Amino acid sequence: MAPKFPGAGTFVPESDDLRVLADAARSCRGCDLWEPAENTVFGAGTPSARMMLIGEQPGDQENRRAQPFVGPAGALLNRALAQADIDRELTYVTNAVKHFKFTRADRGPRRIHKKPLRSEVVACHPWLEAEIRAVDPSVVVLLGATAAQAMLGTSFRIGVDRGRVLEVGEARAVATAHPSAVLRAPDDERDAAFDALVADLRVAASLLE
């Protein structure tokens, strides 16, 4: 008997055209996250970008608008990129998981982010691999533990190796905190967390020189 959720590999077309990939991703049933989410949130940006930024998964606003990094974390990322002298318009941004995983608040309609399971990250990985092949970036920025572990293995720890120059396939990579982690930091630690994110992005930018 075939598995109910076979992973995304069954749905990924043999194409390096991001438009073809994005269209196909809308019909992906590789894991069970597709059903409660309104939209598949594929990557966006310059198709031949030298820098790719990978986060964990879309949030509530990203899910509703079917665009990556357009909510509060995206606004903070834009500010950090600007301070690191990186033009977001020249990058490609995406997530390790293409559907919003959430739980409902006890009262009201609010949807609360829920971290994807390792099995869900693995199920969605063929889409991320296809994006990397299509864009062929020189530098990859891994935003948060889920993205870093998706590309570097489950033993990777952001707190130990963030800001270091690593390798993802043929590209060089830098792992850093996810912008949402900066937003969640205590008030008296948020500025330092933001500055650390900017410093890591500057390391990544230096690799393009």
Protein backbone atom coordinates (compact mmCIF):
# COMPACT_ATOMS: atom_id res chain seq x y z
CA MET A 1 0.00 0.00 0.00
CA ALA A 2 1.36 3.43 -0.97
CA PRO A 3 1.95 5.85 1.91
CA LYS A 4 -0.77 8.46 2.45
CA PHE A 5 1.82 11.24 2.36
CA PRO A 6 4.70 10.19 0.08
CA GLY A 7 6.87 13.31 0.43
CA ALA A 8 7.29 16.11 -2.05
CA GLY A 9 9.55 14.19 -4.41
CA THR A 10 6.48 12.71 -6.08
CA PHE A 11 5.25 16.20 -6.99
CA VAL A 12 8.48 17.98 -8.01
CA PRO A 13 8.72 18.31 -11.81
CA GLU A 14 11.96 17.89 -13.72
CA SER A 15 12.46 21.60 -14.30
CA ASP A 16 14.81 24.40 -13.28
CA ASP A 17 12.18 27.04 -14.07
CA LEU A 18 11.05 28.58 -10.79
CA ARG A 19 7.63 29.43 -12.23
CA VAL A 20 7.07 25.80 -13.19
CA LEU A 21 8.22 24.65 -9.76
CA ALA A 22 6.01 27.17 -7.95
CA ASP A 23 2.96 26.14 -9.97
CA ALA A 24 3.59 22.47 -9.21
CA ALA A 25 4.11 23.17 -5.50
CA ARG A 26 0.54 24.44 -5.21
CA SER A 27 -0.67 20.87 -5.80
CA CYS A 28 1.80 19.21 -3.43
CA ARG A 29 0.31 16.67 -1.06
CA GLY A 30 3.62 15.33 0.19
CA CYS A 31 2.73 15.76 3.87
CA ASP A 32 -0.38 16.62 5.86
CA LEU A 33 0.40 20.34 6.28
CA TRP A 34 -1.20 21.30 2.96
CA GLU A 35 -4.77 20.71 4.09
CA PRO A 36 -5.26 23.29 6.89
CA ALA A 37 -3.14 25.93 5.11
CA GLU A 38 -4.85 28.15 2.56
CA ASN A 39 -1.79 28.53 0.38
CA THR A 40 1.51 27.01 -0.57
CA VAL A 41 4.20 29.62 0.04
CA PHE A 42 6.99 29.08 -2.47
CA GLY A 43 10.17 31.11 -2.65
CA ALA A 44 10.38 34.53 -4.28
CA GLY A 45 13.01 36.88 -5.58
CA THR A 46 15.61 37.11 -8.29
CA PRO A 47 15.79 33.80 -10.22
CA SER A 48 19.56 34.10 -10.67
CA ALA A 49 20.27 35.58 -7.22
CA ARG A 50 23.77 35.13 -5.90
CA MET A 51 22.38 34.98 -2.36
CA MET A 52 19.56 32.74 -1.14
CA LEU A 53 18.03 33.12 2.30
CA ILE A 54 16.23 30.11 3.80
CA GLY A 55 13.92 30.28 6.80
CA GLU A 56 11.81 27.72 8.63
CA GLN A 57 8.26 28.01 7.32
CA PRO A 58 5.76 30.72 6.35
CA GLY A 59 3.89 32.48 9.12
CA ASP A 60 0.26 33.53 9.28
CA GLN A 61 0.58 36.60 7.05
CA GLU A 62 2.82 34.76 4.61
CA ASN A 63 0.26 31.97 4.39
CA ARG A 64 -2.59 34.37 3.72
CA ARG A 65 -0.66 36.32 1.09
CA ALA A 66 1.24 33.33 -0.40
CA GLN A 67 4.52 35.26 -0.15
CA PRO A 68 7.60 34.52 1.98
CA PHE A 69 8.79 36.93 4.67
CA VAL A 70 6.07 39.56 4.37
CA GLY A 71 5.01 39.60 8.05
CA PRO A 72 6.74 41.11 11.11
CA ALA A 73 9.77 38.80 10.78
CA GLY A 74 10.07 39.81 7.15
CA ALA A 75 10.01 43.49 8.05
CA LEU A 76 12.79 42.94 10.58
CA LEU A 77 14.76 40.91 8.03
CA ASN A 78 14.44 43.78 5.53
CA ARG A 79 15.83 46.19 8.11
CA ALA A 80 18.72 43.86 8.93
CA LEU A 81 19.54 43.31 5.26
CA ALA A 82 19.59 47.06 4.67
CA GLN A 83 21.99 47.58 7.57
CA ALA A 84 24.21 44.83 6.17
CA ASP A 85 24.16 46.58 2.75
CA ILE A 86 22.30 43.70 1.09
CA ASP A 87 19.58 44.56 -1.42
CA ARG A 88 16.70 42.16 -0.78
CA GLU A 89 15.51 42.72 -4.34
CA LEU A 90 18.68 40.96 -5.51
CA THR A 91 18.19 37.93 -3.26
CA TYR A 92 15.95 34.87 -3.33
CA VAL A 93 14.07 34.07 -0.12
CA THR A 94 12.32 30.83 0.74
CA ASN A 95 11.60 28.39 3.56
CA ALA A 96 12.45 24.80 4.40
CA VAL A 97 8.72 24.04 4.68
CA LYS A 98 6.23 25.54 2.25
CA HIS A 99 3.03 25.37 4.34
CA PHE A 100 2.15 27.16 7.57
CA LYS A 101 1.93 24.79 10.51
CA PHE A 102 -0.16 26.22 13.33
CA THR A 103 -2.39 25.57 16.28
CA ARG A 104 -5.52 27.49 17.18
CA ALA A 105 -5.65 29.86 20.14
CA ASP A 106 -7.98 28.78 22.93
CA ARG A 107 -10.21 31.74 22.18
CA GLY A 108 -10.75 33.44 18.87
CA PRO A 109 -9.52 32.72 15.36
CA ARG A 110 -5.84 33.52 15.94
CA ARG A 111 -3.44 30.94 14.51
CA ILE A 112 -0.24 30.30 16.46
CA HIS A 113 2.96 29.13 14.81
CA LYS A 114 3.93 25.54 15.58
CA LYS A 115 7.40 24.22 14.77
CA PRO A 116 7.37 21.65 11.96
CA LEU A 117 8.37 18.09 12.75
CA ARG A 118 11.60 16.71 11.34
CA SER A 119 9.52 14.37 9.19
CA GLU A 120 7.70 17.37 7.70
CA VAL A 121 10.98 19.14 6.95
CA VAL A 122 12.30 16.00 5.26
CA ALA A 123 9.06 15.54 3.29
CA CYS A 124 9.32 19.09 1.92
CA HIS A 125 13.07 19.00 1.24
CA PRO A 126 12.82 18.09 -2.47
CA TRP A 127 11.25 21.51 -3.11
CA LEU A 128 14.15 23.25 -1.39
CA GLU A 129 16.65 21.17 -3.35
CA ALA A 130 14.86 22.08 -6.57
CA GLU A 131 14.99 25.80 -5.70
CA ILE A 132 18.71 25.62 -4.96
CA ARG A 133 19.34 23.87 -8.28
CA ALA A 134 17.26 26.46 -10.14
CA VAL A 135 18.77 29.55 -8.51
CA ASP A 136 22.31 28.16 -8.09
CA PRO A 137 23.32 30.75 -5.46
CA SER A 138 26.91 31.45 -4.46
CA VAL A 139 25.93 32.14 -0.84
CA VAL A 140 23.18 30.64 1.29
CA VAL A 141 21.99 32.25 4.52
CA LEU A 142 20.30 29.81 6.89
CA LEU A 143 17.85 31.64 9.12
CA GLY A 144 17.27 29.64 12.28
CA ALA A 145 17.81 26.09 13.48
CA THR A 146 15.20 24.41 11.27
CA ALA A 147 16.72 25.76 8.06
CA ALA A 148 20.27 25.09 9.23
CA GLN A 149 19.50 21.52 10.26
CA ALA A 150 17.60 20.91 7.02
CA MET A 151 20.78 21.65 5.10
CA LEU A 152 23.55 20.71 7.54
CA GLY A 153 22.10 17.87 9.62
CA THR A 154 20.33 17.60 12.95
CA SER A 155 23.54 17.90 14.98
CA PHE A 156 24.02 21.52 13.86
CA ARG A 157 23.60 24.10 16.62
CA ILE A 158 23.05 27.76 15.83
CA GLY A 159 24.46 28.87 19.17
CA VAL A 160 27.77 27.15 18.44
CA ASP A 161 28.35 27.74 14.74
CA ARG A 162 26.39 30.84 13.76
CA GLY A 163 28.33 33.37 11.73
CA ARG A 164 30.91 30.84 10.52
CA VAL A 165 31.48 30.21 6.82
CA LEU A 166 30.23 26.73 5.96
CA GLU A 167 29.41 24.80 2.80
CA VAL A 168 26.07 23.75 1.36
CA GLY A 169 26.76 21.78 -1.79
CA GLU A 170 28.76 24.09 -4.04
CA ALA A 171 27.68 27.23 -2.21
CA ARG A 172 29.15 28.82 0.87
CA ALA A 173 26.74 29.25 3.76
CA VAL A 174 26.29 31.27 6.93
CA ALA A 175 23.81 30.29 9.63
CA THR A 176 22.22 32.85 11.91
CA ALA A 177 19.16 33.39 14.07
CA HIS A 178 15.73 33.57 12.52
CA PRO A 179 14.32 37.12 12.54
CA SER A 180 11.35 35.87 14.59
CA ALA A 181 13.80 34.89 17.34
CA VAL A 182 14.94 38.51 17.46
CA LEU A 183 11.33 39.65 17.77
CA ARG A 184 10.79 37.21 20.65
CA ALA A 185 13.89 38.30 22.54
CA PRO A 186 13.34 40.15 25.85
CA ASP A 187 13.19 43.91 25.47
CA ASP A 188 16.61 44.42 27.04
CA GLU A 189 18.22 41.86 24.71
CA ARG A 190 16.50 42.65 21.42
CA ASP A 191 18.95 45.29 20.20
CA ALA A 192 21.90 42.97 20.78
CA ALA A 193 20.08 40.12 19.04
CA PHE A 194 19.37 42.35 16.05
CA ASP A 195 22.98 43.53 15.90
CA ALA A 196 24.16 39.91 15.95
CA LEU A 197 21.86 39.10 13.02
CA VAL A 198 23.24 42.06 11.07
CA ALA A 199 26.82 40.98 11.84
CA ASP A 200 26.13 37.48 10.47
CA LEU A 201 24.52 38.94 7.35
CA ARG A 202 27.61 41.07 6.82
CA VAL A 203 29.72 37.91 6.90
CA ALA A 204 27.47 36.46 4.21
CA ALA A 205 27.67 39.67 2.16
CA SER A 206 31.46 39.62 2.31
CA LEU A 207 31.44 36.26 0.53
CA LEU A 208 29.96 37.94 -2.55
CA GLU A 209 32.86 40.37 -2.91
